[in-house]
Each structure stands twice: as structure tokens, then as C-alpha cells.
PDB file of N, CA and C in Angstrom:
ATOM      1  N   MET A   1     -24.404  65.451  -9.661  1.00  0.00           N
ATOM      2  CA  MET A   1     -25.265  64.664 -10.036  1.00  0.00           C
ATOM      3  C   MET A   1     -25.963  64.070  -8.781  1.00  0.00           C
ATOM      4  N   GLN A   2     -26.803  64.130  -8.374  1.00  0.00           N
ATOM      5  CA  GLN A   2     -27.618  63.534  -7.217  1.00  0.00           C
ATOM      6  C   GLN A   2     -28.489  62.168  -7.653  1.00  0.00           C
ATOM      7  N   ARG A   3     -27.948  60.991  -6.993  1.00  0.00           N
ATOM      8  CA  ARG A   3     -28.888  59.916  -7.182  1.00  0.00           C
ATOM      9  C   ARG A   3     -30.489  60.091  -6.522  1.00  0.00           C
ATOM     10  N   GLU A   4     -31.435  59.412  -7.657  1.00  0.00           N
ATOM     11  CA  GLU A   4     -32.380  59.414  -6.993  1.00  0.00           C
ATOM     12  C   GLU A   4     -32.790  57.969  -5.912  1.00  0.00           C
ATOM     13  N   PRO A   5     -33.281  58.300  -5.095  1.00  0.00           N
ATOM     14  CA  PRO A   5     -33.531  57.193  -3.932  1.00  0.00           C
ATOM     15  C   PRO A   5     -34.394  56.000  -4.316  1.00  0.00           C
ATOM     16  N   ARG A   6     -34.090  54.933  -3.877  1.00  0.00           N
ATOM     17  CA  ARG A   6     -34.722  53.647  -4.310  1.00  0.00           C
ATOM     18  C   ARG A   6     -36.038  53.695  -3.957  1.00  0.00           C
ATOM     19  N   GLN A   7     -37.010  53.535  -4.776  1.00  0.00           N
ATOM     20  CA  GLN A   7     -38.170  53.437  -4.539  1.00  0.00           C
ATOM     21  C   GLN A   7     -38.924  51.904  -3.640  1.00  0.00           C
ATOM     22  N   SER A   8     -37.685  51.018  -3.718  1.00  0.00           N
ATOM     23  CA  SER A   8     -38.288  49.854  -2.953  1.00  0.00           C
ATOM     24  C   SER A   8     -37.020  48.855  -2.944  1.00  0.00           C
ATOM     25  N   PHE A   9     -36.799  48.142  -2.104  1.00  0.00           N
ATOM     26  CA  PHE A   9     -35.819  46.951  -2.070  1.00  0.00           C
ATOM     27  C   PHE A   9     -36.554  45.474  -2.235  1.00  0.00           C
ATOM     28  N   SER A  10     -35.545  45.075  -2.938  1.00  0.00           N
ATOM     29  CA  SER A  10     -35.876  43.274  -3.093  1.00  0.00           C
ATOM     30  C   SER A  10     -34.840  42.184  -2.743  1.00  0.00           C
ATOM     31  N   VAL A  11     -35.092  41.679  -1.844  1.00  0.00           N
ATOM     32  CA  VAL A  11     -34.006  40.587  -1.101  1.00  0.00           C
ATOM     33  C   VAL A  11     -34.938  39.508  -0.951  1.00  0.00           C
ATOM     34  N   HIS A  12     -34.129  38.359  -0.753  1.00  0.00           N
ATOM     35  CA  HIS A  12     -34.305  36.991  -0.505  1.00  0.00           C
ATOM     36  C   HIS A  12     -34.422  36.746   1.101  1.00  0.00           C
ATOM     37  N   ASP A  13     -35.691  36.514   1.644  1.00  0.00           N
ATOM     38  CA  ASP A  13     -35.718  36.432   2.968  1.00  0.00           C
ATOM     39  C   ASP A  13     -35.564  35.023   3.668  1.00  0.00           C
ATOM     40  N   THR A  14     -34.432  34.663   3.911  1.00  0.00           N
ATOM     41  CA  THR A  14     -33.994  33.335   4.309  1.00  0.00           C
ATOM     42  C   THR A  14     -34.963  32.737   5.362  1.00  0.00           C
ATOM     43  N   VAL A  15     -35.486  33.788   6.571  1.00  0.00           N
ATOM     44  CA  VAL A  15     -36.649  33.035   7.359  1.00  0.00           C
ATOM     45  C   VAL A  15     -37.823  32.405   6.673  1.00  0.00           C
ATOM     46  N   THR A  16     -38.360  33.343   5.554  1.00  0.00           N
ATOM     47  CA  THR A  16     -39.686  32.535   5.002  1.00  0.00           C
ATOM     48  C   THR A  16     -39.160  31.808   3.760  1.00  0.00           C
ATOM     49  N   GLY A  17     -38.026  32.129   3.091  1.00  0.00           N
ATOM     50  CA  GLY A  17     -37.460  31.334   1.863  1.00  0.00           C
ATOM     51  C   GLY A  17     -38.070  31.738   0.861  1.00  0.00           C
ATOM     52  N   MET A  18     -38.772  33.172   0.738  1.00  0.00           N
ATOM     53  CA  MET A  18     -39.430  33.677  -0.351  1.00  0.00           C
ATOM     54  C   MET A  18     -38.711  35.160  -0.795  1.00  0.00           C
ATOM     55  N   TYR A  19     -38.709  35.729  -1.756  1.00  0.00           N
ATOM     56  CA  TYR A  19     -38.339  36.822  -2.150  1.00  0.00           C
ATOM     57  C   TYR A  19     -39.091  37.972  -2.099  1.00  0.00           C
ATOM     58  N   VAL A  20     -38.810  38.846  -1.544  1.00  0.00           N
ATOM     59  CA  VAL A  20     -40.001  39.982  -1.169  1.00  0.00           C
ATOM     60  C   VAL A  20     -39.389  41.302  -1.342  1.00  0.00           C
ATOM     61  N   THR A  21     -40.307  42.187  -1.863  1.00  0.00           N
ATOM     62  CA  THR A  21     -40.230  43.710  -2.150  1.00  0.00           C
ATOM     63  C   THR A  21     -40.619  44.825  -1.258  1.00  0.00           C
ATOM     64  N   ILE A  22     -39.862  45.378  -0.537  1.00  0.00           N
ATOM     65  CA  ILE A  22     -39.830  46.160   0.665  1.00  0.00           C
ATOM     66  C   ILE A  22     -40.278  47.742  -0.033  1.00  0.00           C
ATOM     67  N   PRO A  23     -41.132  48.527   0.076  1.00  0.00           N
ATOM     68  CA  PRO A  23     -41.417  49.803  -0.287  1.00  0.00           C
ATOM     69  C   PRO A  23     -40.035  50.484   0.883  1.00  0.00           C
ATOM     70  N   ARG A  24     -39.408  51.562   0.034  1.00  0.00           N
ATOM     71  CA  ARG A  24     -38.881  52.598   0.786  1.00  0.00           C
ATOM     72  C   ARG A  24     -39.575  53.341   1.990  1.00  0.00           C
ATOM     73  N   GLY A  25     -40.676  53.547   1.707  1.00  0.00           N
ATOM     74  CA  GLY A  25     -41.295  54.132   2.829  1.00  0.00           C
ATOM     75  C   GLY A  25     -41.605  53.396   4.218  1.00  0.00           C
ATOM     76  N   GLU A  26     -41.975  52.292   3.994  1.00  0.00           N
ATOM     77  CA  GLU A  26     -42.169  51.242   4.721  1.00  0.00           C
ATOM     78  C   GLU A  26     -41.231  50.638   5.629  1.00  0.00           C
ATOM     79  N   ALA A  27     -39.830  50.600   4.595  1.00  0.00           N
ATOM     80  CA  ALA A  27     -38.592  50.165   5.619  1.00  0.00           C
ATOM     81  C   ALA A  27     -38.153  51.674   6.138  1.00  0.00           C
ATOM     82  N   LEU A  28     -38.570  52.851   5.656  1.00  0.00           N
ATOM     83  CA  LEU A  28     -37.776  54.152   6.642  1.00  0.00           C
ATOM     84  C   LEU A  28     -38.774  53.903   7.802  1.00  0.00           C
ATOM     85  N   ARG A  29     -40.188  53.860   7.651  1.00  0.00           N
ATOM     86  CA  ARG A  29     -41.082  54.063   8.908  1.00  0.00           C
ATOM     87  C   ARG A  29     -40.635  52.737   9.882  1.00  0.00           C
ATOM     88  N   ALA A  30     -40.082  51.705   9.374  1.00  0.00           N
ATOM     89  CA  ALA A  30     -39.855  50.647  10.459  1.00  0.00           C
ATOM     90  C   ALA A  30     -38.591  51.067  11.328  1.00  0.00           C
ATOM     91  N   LEU A  31     -37.473  51.535  10.242  1.00  0.00           N
ATOM     92  CA  LEU A  31     -36.321  51.688  11.016  1.00  0.00           C
ATOM     93  C   LEU A  31     -36.326  53.248  12.015  1.00  0.00           C
ATOM     94  N   ILE A  32     -37.386  54.257  11.556  1.00  0.00           N
ATOM     95  CA  ILE A  32     -37.484  55.344  12.621  1.00  0.00           C
ATOM     96  C   ILE A  32     -38.278  54.816  13.931  1.00  0.00           C
ATOM     97  N   THR A  33     -39.415  53.867  13.720  1.00  0.00           N
ATOM     98  CA  THR A  33     -40.012  53.323  14.950  1.00  0.00           C
ATOM     99  C   THR A  33     -38.815  52.495  15.758  1.00  0.00           C
ATOM    100  N   GLY A  34     -37.936  51.773  14.814  1.00  0.00           N
ATOM    101  CA  GLY A  34     -37.038  50.751  15.772  1.00  0.00           C
ATOM    102  C   GLY A  34     -36.228  51.983  16.824  1.00  0.00           C
ATOM    103  N   ILE A  35     -35.557  52.977  16.067  1.00  0.00           N
ATOM    104  CA  ILE A  35     -34.838  53.962  16.471  1.00  0.00           C
ATOM    105  C   ILE A  35     -35.728  54.579  17.824  1.00  0.00           C
ATOM    106  N   TYR A  36     -36.782  54.966  17.847  1.00  0.00           N
ATOM    107  CA  TYR A  36     -37.406  55.311  18.828  1.00  0.00           C
ATOM    108  C   TYR A  36     -38.024  54.502  20.102  1.00  0.00           C
ATOM    109  N   ASP A  37     -37.684  53.083  19.708  1.00  0.00           N
ATOM    110  CA  ASP A  37     -38.009  51.791  20.599  1.00  0.00           C
ATOM    111  C   ASP A  37     -36.649  52.091  21.261  1.00  0.00           C
ATOM    112  N   ALA A  38     -35.537  51.784  20.736  1.00  0.00           N
ATOM    113  CA  ALA A  38     -34.291  51.534  21.308  1.00  0.00           C
ATOM    114  C   ALA A  38     -33.918  52.933  22.120  1.00  0.00           C
ATOM    115  N   SER A  39     -34.328  53.887  21.536  1.00  0.00           N
ATOM    116  CA  SER A  39     -34.038  55.151  22.735  1.00  0.00           C
ATOM    117  C   SER A  39     -34.762  55.225  24.043  1.00  0.00           C
ATOM    118  N   ARG A  40     -36.094  54.747  23.779  1.00  0.00           N
ATOM    119  CA  ARG A  40     -36.736  54.401  24.941  1.00  0.00           C
ATOM    120  C   ARG A  40     -36.058  53.292  26.116  1.00  0.00           C
ATOM    121  N   GLU A  41     -35.496  52.223  25.547  1.00  0.00           N
ATOM    122  CA  GLU A  41     -35.204  51.381  26.100  1.00  0.00           C
ATOM    123  C   GLU A  41     -33.683  51.448  26.931  1.00  0.00           C
ATOM    124  N   LYS A  42     -32.602  52.158  26.111  1.00  0.00           N
ATOM    125  CA  LYS A  42     -31.452  52.537  26.253  1.00  0.00           C
ATOM    126  C   LYS A  42     -31.226  53.885  25.928  1.00  0.00           C
ATOM    127  N   ARG A  43     -30.409  54.652  27.087  1.00  0.00           N
ATOM    128  CA  ARG A  43     -30.014  55.936  27.020  1.00  0.00           C
ATOM    129  C   ARG A  43     -28.842  56.191  25.890  1.00  0.00           C
ATOM    130  N   TYR A  44     -27.906  55.048  25.924  1.00  0.00           N
ATOM    131  CA  TYR A  44     -27.124  55.175  24.620  1.00  0.00           C
ATOM    132  C   TYR A  44     -27.341  53.652  23.818  1.00  0.00           C
ATOM    133  N   PHE A  45     -27.297  54.257  22.539  1.00  0.00           N
ATOM    134  CA  PHE A  45     -27.463  52.977  21.755  1.00  0.00           C
ATOM    135  C   PHE A  45     -26.716  53.029  20.368  1.00  0.00           C
ATOM    136  N   CYS A  46     -26.721  52.040  19.641  1.00  0.00           N
ATOM    137  CA  CYS A  46     -26.287  51.931  18.244  1.00  0.00           C
ATOM    138  C   CYS A  46     -27.032  51.376  17.304  1.00  0.00           C
ATOM    139  N   THR A  47     -26.861  51.178  16.002  1.00  0.00           N
ATOM    140  CA  THR A  47     -27.695  50.552  15.299  1.00  0.00           C
ATOM    141  C   THR A  47     -27.835  49.352  15.262  1.00  0.00           C
ATOM    142  N   ASN A  48     -26.892  48.708  15.675  1.00  0.00           N
ATOM    143  CA  ASN A  48     -27.264  47.270  16.388  1.00  0.00           C
ATOM    144  C   ASN A  48     -28.547  46.948  16.931  1.00  0.00           C
ATOM    145  N   ASP A  49     -28.706  48.087  18.036  1.00  0.00           N
ATOM    146  CA  ASP A  49     -29.670  48.007  18.917  1.00  0.00           C
ATOM    147  C   ASP A  49     -31.281  48.468  18.426  1.00  0.00           C
ATOM    148  N   VAL A  50     -31.032  49.106  17.500  1.00  0.00           N
ATOM    149  CA  VAL A  50     -32.218  49.750  16.641  1.00  0.00           C
ATOM    150  C   VAL A  50     -32.665  48.324  15.841  1.00  0.00           C
ATOM    151  N   PHE A  51     -31.843  47.672  15.167  1.00  0.00           N
ATOM    152  CA  PHE A  51     -32.313  46.413  14.520  1.00  0.00           C
ATOM    153  C   PHE A  51     -33.099  45.493  15.133  1.00  0.00           C
ATOM    154  N   LEU A  52     -32.769  45.482  16.752  1.00  0.00           N
ATOM    155  CA  LEU A  52     -33.233  44.531  17.479  1.00  0.00           C
ATOM    156  C   LEU A  52     -34.926  44.999  17.725  1.00  0.00           C
ATOM    157  N   HIS A  53     -35.083  46.252  17.399  1.00  0.00           N
ATOM    158  CA  HIS A  53     -36.490  46.697  17.987  1.00  0.00           C
ATOM    159  C   HIS A  53     -37.262  47.055  16.456  1.00  0.00           C
ATOM    160  N   VAL A  54     -36.386  46.958  15.486  1.00  0.00           N
ATOM    161  CA  VAL A  54     -37.346  47.053  14.099  1.00  0.00           C
ATOM    162  C   VAL A  54     -38.294  45.665  13.833  1.00  0.00           C
ATOM    163  N   LYS A  55     -39.638  46.263  13.519  1.00  0.00           N
ATOM    164  CA  LYS A  55     -40.508  45.150  13.402  1.00  0.00           C
ATOM    165  C   LYS A  55     -41.326  45.735  11.863  1.00  0.00           C
ATOM    166  N   THR A  56     -41.618  44.638  11.412  1.00  0.00           N
ATOM    167  CA  THR A  56     -42.330  45.005   9.799  1.00  0.00           C
ATOM    168  C   THR A  56     -42.953  43.724   9.478  1.00  0.00           C
ATOM    169  N   THR A  57     -44.172  43.661   9.055  1.00  0.00           N
ATOM    170  CA  THR A  57     -44.993  42.552   8.366  1.00  0.00           C
ATOM    171  C   THR A  57     -44.581  41.677   7.181  1.00  0.00           C
ATOM    172  N   LEU A  58     -43.643  42.817   6.635  1.00  0.00           N
ATOM    173  CA  LEU A  58     -43.458  42.246   4.995  1.00  0.00           C
ATOM    174  C   LEU A  58     -42.458  41.360   4.804  1.00  0.00           C
ATOM    175  N   CYS A  59     -41.416  41.151   6.032  1.00  0.00           N
ATOM    176  CA  CYS A  59     -40.261  40.355   5.823  1.00  0.00           C
ATOM    177  C   CYS A  59     -39.767  40.338   7.476  1.00  0.00           C
ATOM    178  N   SER A  60     -38.767  39.530   7.254  1.00  0.00           N
ATOM    179  CA  SER A  60     -37.741  39.654   8.387  1.00  0.00           C
ATOM    180  C   SER A  60     -36.830  40.467   8.782  1.00  0.00           C
ATOM    181  N   THR A  61     -36.613  40.963  10.144  1.00  0.00           N
ATOM    182  CA  THR A  61     -35.609  42.049  10.441  1.00  0.00           C
ATOM    183  C   THR A  61     -34.153  41.920   9.693  1.00  0.00           C
ATOM    184  N   GLU A  62     -33.776  40.415   9.604  1.00  0.00           N
ATOM    185  CA  GLU A  62     -32.488  39.976   9.011  1.00  0.00           C
ATOM    186  C   GLU A  62     -32.592  40.615   7.415  1.00  0.00           C
ATOM    187  N   ALA A  63     -33.706  40.095   6.980  1.00  0.00           N
ATOM    188  CA  ALA A  63     -33.983  40.353   5.363  1.00  0.00           C
ATOM    189  C   ALA A  63     -34.039  42.175   5.196  1.00  0.00           C
ATOM    190  N   LEU A  64     -34.446  42.793   6.239  1.00  0.00           N
ATOM    191  CA  LEU A  64     -34.807  44.237   6.064  1.00  0.00           C
ATOM    192  C   LEU A  64     -33.606  44.992   6.106  1.00  0.00           C
ATOM    193  N   ARG A  65     -32.564  44.205   7.008  1.00  0.00           N
ATOM    194  CA  ARG A  65     -31.157  44.768   7.309  1.00  0.00           C
ATOM    195  C   ARG A  65     -30.527  44.582   6.123  1.00  0.00           C
ATOM    196  N   HIS A  66     -30.383  43.942   5.365  1.00  0.00           N
ATOM    197  CA  HIS A  66     -29.763  43.344   4.412  1.00  0.00           C
ATOM    198  C   HIS A  66     -30.035  43.905   2.952  1.00  0.00           C
ATOM    199  N   ALA A  67     -31.453  44.129   2.921  1.00  0.00           N
ATOM    200  CA  ALA A  67     -32.033  44.819   1.752  1.00  0.00           C
ATOM    201  C   ALA A  67     -31.620  46.348   1.573  1.00  0.00           C
ATOM    202  N   THR A  68     -31.367  46.967   3.112  1.00  0.00           N
ATOM    203  CA  THR A  68     -31.344  48.313   3.140  1.00  0.00           C
ATOM    204  C   THR A  68     -29.673  48.862   3.153  1.00  0.00           C
ATOM    205  N   ALA A  69     -28.889  47.554   3.536  1.00  0.00           N
ATOM    206  CA  ALA A  69     -27.611  47.833   3.861  1.00  0.00           C
ATOM    207  C   ALA A  69     -26.901  48.904   2.929  1.00  0.00           C
ATOM    208  N   LYS A  70     -26.920  48.711   1.450  1.00  0.00           N
ATOM    209  CA  LYS A  70     -26.328  49.661   0.420  1.00  0.00           C
ATOM    210  C   LYS A  70     -26.723  51.020   0.330  1.00  0.00           C
ATOM    211  N   SER A  71     -28.022  50.983   0.800  1.00  0.00           N
ATOM    212  CA  SER A  71     -28.541  52.351   0.835  1.00  0.00           C
ATOM    213  C   SER A  71     -28.581  53.082   1.636  1.00  0.00           C
ATOM    214  N   LYS A  72     -27.769  52.691   2.774  1.00  0.00           N
ATOM    215  CA  LYS A  72     -27.628  53.736   4.391  1.00  0.00           C
ATOM    216  C   LYS A  72     -28.902  54.054   4.678  1.00  0.00           C
ATOM    217  N   LEU A  73     -29.991  53.563   4.485  1.00  0.00           N
ATOM    218  CA  LEU A  73     -31.473  54.004   4.936  1.00  0.00           C
ATOM    219  C   LEU A  73     -31.348  54.144   6.279  1.00  0.00           C
ATOM    220  N   ILE A  74     -30.662  53.194   7.162  1.00  0.00           N
ATOM    221  CA  ILE A  74     -30.324  53.484   8.619  1.00  0.00           C
ATOM    222  C   ILE A  74     -29.965  55.278   8.885  1.00  0.00           C
ATOM    223  N   ALA A  75     -28.825  55.263   8.153  1.00  0.00           N
ATOM    224  CA  ALA A  75     -28.606  56.580   8.251  1.00  0.00           C
ATOM    225  C   ALA A  75     -29.537  57.898   7.977  1.00  0.00           C
ATOM    226  N   VAL A  76     -30.366  57.474   7.032  1.00  0.00           N
ATOM    227  CA  VAL A  76     -31.307  58.623   6.888  1.00  0.00           C
ATOM    228  C   VAL A  76     -32.444  58.619   7.849  1.00  0.00           C
ATOM    229  N   ALA A  77     -32.832  57.566   8.715  1.00  0.00           N
ATOM    230  CA  ALA A  77     -33.517  57.376   9.716  1.00  0.00           C
ATOM    231  C   ALA A  77     -33.145  58.009  10.746  1.00  0.00           C
ATOM    232  N   LEU A  78     -31.526  57.966  10.883  1.00  0.00           N
ATOM    233  CA  LEU A  78     -31.064  58.443  12.315  1.00  0.00           C
ATOM    234  C   LEU A  78     -31.089  59.838  12.047  1.00  0.00           C
ATOM    235  N   ARG A  79     -30.890  60.474  10.908  1.00  0.00           N
ATOM    236  CA  ARG A  79     -30.897  61.826  10.905  1.00  0.00           C
ATOM    237  C   ARG A  79     -32.094  62.477  10.977  1.00  0.00           C
ATOM    238  N   LYS A  80     -33.377  61.959  10.417  1.00  0.00           N
ATOM    239  CA  LYS A  80     -34.448  62.440  10.541  1.00  0.00           C
ATOM    240  C   LYS A  80     -34.789  62.531  12.102  1.00  0.00           C
ATOM    241  N   VAL A  81     -34.514  61.279  12.927  1.00  0.00           N
ATOM    242  CA  VAL A  81     -35.098  61.489  14.498  1.00  0.00           C
ATOM    243  C   VAL A  81     -33.998  62.333  14.865  1.00  0.00           C
ATOM    244  N   ALA A  82     -32.704  62.625  14.421  1.00  0.00           N
ATOM    245  CA  ALA A  82     -31.943  63.339  15.229  1.00  0.00           C
ATOM    246  C   ALA A  82     -32.448  64.884  15.212  1.00  0.00           C
ATOM    247  N   SER A  83     -33.016  65.187  13.853  1.00  0.00           N
ATOM    248  CA  SER A  83     -33.532  66.569  13.547  1.00  0.00           C
ATOM    249  C   SER A  83     -34.399  67.027  14.256  1.00  0.00           C
ATOM    250  N   SER A  84     -35.434  65.908  14.723  1.00  0.00           N
ATOM    251  CA  SER A  84     -36.645  66.117  15.564  1.00  0.00           C
ATOM    252  C   SER A  84     -36.102  66.403  16.988  1.00  0.00           C
ATOM    253  N   GLY A  85     -34.846  66.158  17.217  1.00  0.00           N
ATOM    254  CA  GLY A  85     -34.264  66.590  18.693  1.00  0.00           C
ATOM    255  C   GLY A  85     -34.363  65.549  19.609  1.00  0.00           C
ATOM    256  N   ALA A  86     -34.971  64.330  19.254  1.00  0.00           N
ATOM    257  CA  ALA A  86     -35.073  63.262  19.963  1.00  0.00           C
ATOM    258  C   ALA A  86     -34.039  62.376  20.360  1.00  0.00           C
ATOM    259  N   ILE A  87     -32.668  62.395  19.480  1.00  0.00           N
ATOM    260  CA  ILE A  87     -31.835  61.934  19.767  1.00  0.00           C
ATOM    261  C   ILE A  87     -30.300  62.758  19.193  1.00  0.00           C
ATOM    262  N   ARG A  88     -29.293  62.293  19.741  1.00  0.00           N
ATOM    263  CA  ARG A  88     -27.755  62.866  19.267  1.00  0.00           C
ATOM    264  C   ARG A  88     -26.705  62.132  19.211  1.00  0.00           C
ATOM    265  N   ARG A  89     -25.858  62.164  18.566  1.00  0.00           N
ATOM    266  CA  ARG A  89     -24.712  61.410  18.203  1.00  0.00           C
ATOM    267  C   ARG A  89     -23.602  62.053  19.542  1.00  0.00           C
ATOM    268  N   VAL A  90     -23.389  61.031  19.863  1.00  0.00           N
ATOM    269  CA  VAL A  90     -22.116  61.290  20.548  1.00  0.00           C
ATOM    270  C   VAL A  90     -20.726  60.770  20.333  1.00  0.00           C
ATOM    271  N   ASP A  91     -19.699  61.456  20.776  1.00  0.00           N
ATOM    272  CA  ASP A  91     -18.386  60.868  20.849  1.00  0.00           C
ATOM    273  C   ASP A  91     -18.046  59.393  21.317  1.00  0.00           C
ATOM    274  N   GLY A  92     -17.584  58.804  20.338  1.00  0.00           N
ATOM    275  CA  GLY A  92     -17.263  57.344  20.664  1.00  0.00           C
ATOM    276  C   GLY A  92     -17.961  56.202  19.809  1.00  0.00           C
ATOM    277  N   VAL A  93     -17.386  55.168  19.935  1.00  0.00           N
ATOM    278  CA  VAL A  93     -17.888  53.945  19.202  1.00  0.00           C
ATOM    279  C   VAL A  93     -18.208  52.717  19.755  1.00  0.00           C
ATOM    280  N   ARG A  94     -18.779  51.672  19.523  1.00  0.00           N
ATOM    281  CA  ARG A  94     -19.144  50.406  19.712  1.00  0.00           C
ATOM    282  C   ARG A  94     -18.557  49.808  18.556  1.00  0.00           C
ATOM    283  N   ILE A  95     -18.085  48.347  19.021  1.00  0.00           N
ATOM    284  CA  ILE A  95     -17.721  47.218  17.961  1.00  0.00           C
ATOM    285  C   ILE A  95     -18.883  46.593  17.650  1.00  0.00           C
ATOM    286  N   GLY A  96     -19.308  46.354  16.278  1.00  0.00           N
ATOM    287  CA  GLY A  96     -20.812  45.778  15.887  1.00  0.00           C
ATOM    288  C   GLY A  96     -20.660  44.271  16.141  1.00  0.00           C
ATOM    289  N   ASP A  97     -21.699  43.703  15.557  1.00  0.00           N
ATOM    290  CA  ASP A  97     -21.848  42.382  15.744  1.00  0.00           C
ATOM    291  C   ASP A  97     -21.266  41.739  14.660  1.00  0.00           C
ATOM    292  N   LYS A  98     -21.573  40.380  14.385  1.00  0.00           N
ATOM    293  CA  LYS A  98     -20.772  39.901  13.312  1.00  0.00           C
ATOM    294  C   LYS A  98     -21.584  40.041  11.800  1.00  0.00           C
ATOM    295  N   THR A  99     -22.952  40.296  11.947  1.00  0.00           N
ATOM    296  CA  THR A  99     -23.760  40.840  10.944  1.00  0.00           C
ATOM    297  C   THR A  99     -23.184  42.037  10.108  1.00  0.00           C
ATOM    298  N   CYS A 100     -22.645  43.000  10.777  1.00  0.00           N
ATOM    299  CA  CYS A 100     -21.918  43.990  10.229  1.00  0.00           C
ATOM    300  C   CYS A 100     -20.436  44.120  10.097  1.00  0.00           C
ATOM    301  N   HIS A 101     -19.910  42.707  10.213  1.00  0.00           N
ATOM    302  CA  HIS A 101     -18.619  42.463  10.080  1.00  0.00           C
ATOM    303  C   HIS A 101     -17.937  43.279  11.314  1.00  0.00           C
ATOM    304  N   SER A 102     -18.396  43.149  12.682  1.00  0.00           N
ATOM    305  CA  SER A 102     -17.665  43.448  13.657  1.00  0.00           C
ATOM    306  C   SER A 102     -17.109  45.157  13.272  1.00  0.00           C
ATOM    307  N   ARG A 103     -17.860  45.756  12.236  1.00  0.00           N
ATOM    308  CA  ARG A 103     -17.625  47.434  11.937  1.00  0.00           C
ATOM    309  C   ARG A 103     -17.374  48.118  13.554  1.00  0.00           C
ATOM    310  N   PRO A 104     -16.658  49.296  13.660  1.00  0.00           N
ATOM    311  CA  PRO A 104     -17.374  50.182  14.547  1.00  0.00           C
ATOM    312  C   PRO A 104     -18.581  50.858  14.491  1.00  0.00           C
ATOM    313  N   LYS A 105     -19.168  51.023  15.361  1.00  0.00           N
ATOM    314  CA  LYS A 105     -20.557  51.891  15.173  1.00  0.00           C
ATOM    315  C   LYS A 105     -20.645  53.163  15.961  1.00  0.00           C
ATOM    316  N   ALA A 106     -21.295  54.118  15.375  1.00  0.00           N
ATOM    317  CA  ALA A 106     -21.266  55.309  16.021  1.00  0.00           C
ATOM    318  C   ALA A 106     -22.473  55.051  17.339  1.00  0.00           C
ATOM    319  N   VAL A 107     -22.391  55.888  18.255  1.00  0.00           N
ATOM    320  CA  VAL A 107     -22.933  55.742  19.827  1.00  0.00           C
ATOM    321  C   VAL A 107     -24.164  56.774  19.457  1.00  0.00           C
ATOM    322  N   TRP A 108     -25.293  56.741  19.705  1.00  0.00           N
ATOM    323  CA  TRP A 108     -26.378  57.616  19.754  1.00  0.00           C
ATOM    324  C   TRP A 108     -27.024  57.940  21.220  1.00  0.00           C
ATOM    325  N   GLU A 109     -27.356  58.968  21.627  1.00  0.00           N
ATOM    326  CA  GLU A 109     -27.779  59.447  23.197  1.00  0.00           C
ATOM    327  C   GLU A 109     -29.345  59.752  22.707  1.00  0.00           C
ATOM    328  N   ARG A 110     -30.185  59.153  23.521  1.00  0.00           N
ATOM    329  CA  ARG A 110     -31.563  59.569  23.701  1.00  0.00           C
ATOM    330  C   ARG A 110     -31.639  61.124  24.412  1.00  0.00           C
ATOM    331  N   ARG A 111     -32.167  62.157  23.942  1.00  0.00           N
ATOM    332  CA  ARG A 111     -32.366  63.344  24.461  1.00  0.00           C
ATOM    333  C   ARG A 111     -33.571  63.144  25.522  1.00  0.00           C
ATOM    334  N   ALA A 112     -33.429  64.269  26.459  1.00  0.00           N
ATOM    335  CA  ALA A 112     -34.499  64.037  27.564  1.00  0.00           C
ATOM    336  C   ALA A 112     -35.740  64.821  26.718  1.00  0.00           C
TER     337      ALA A 112
END
């Protein structure tokens, strides 16, 4: 049995001090745009690089990252962009930052 995707994410934004609700579509759009921006800047990148480029007017990037963490929405966004042929996953990993508990992160490559 497949789960229904969440329609929105609620999170406390520590930057503004407010609770915000982020629609799933807006979060996905921001992540996809961040992926394209990260891939334009670097040939090889990981999700940490993507989050440096994510911009949304609804909340801080940190709040978006925490709100979408359990949903794995970043993986959905990466698969969508990869299916368009703009990027591909390569062998190898990078060690993530403290936000992601220094977990190994997959490396993605911009395709020409």
C-alpha cells in the first residue's frame, strides 16, 4: 500500500520565529530550482550544495530543509531533474555538513 504524499509541511521557522505551512508544490519547485542553480555553478554537487541555492519567500532555507527532511522530497526533486537528462548520479559520496549529521551524500553531475 502506497502512502499519499503530504500536501503541505508545517514547521517552526527559527529565523522568523513563526510557524509556517509550506505547500508541497512550492517546496518541490524551490528544490528543483535549487538543483538547476547548483548544477550551473558546479559540475559535481550534492544536496548540501542544492540547499545553498534554494530560495523561497515562504520561510527560511533552514526551515524548508527541516520541514521536508522526513518526506525525502529532495530525492523526488533530484529524480525529476535526472529524468529530464540535466543531471545524473555518479559513483562516490561526500561527507555532509552538521545539518545532516555528517552523513555521506550522493554526488550528482551536471550533464552537458
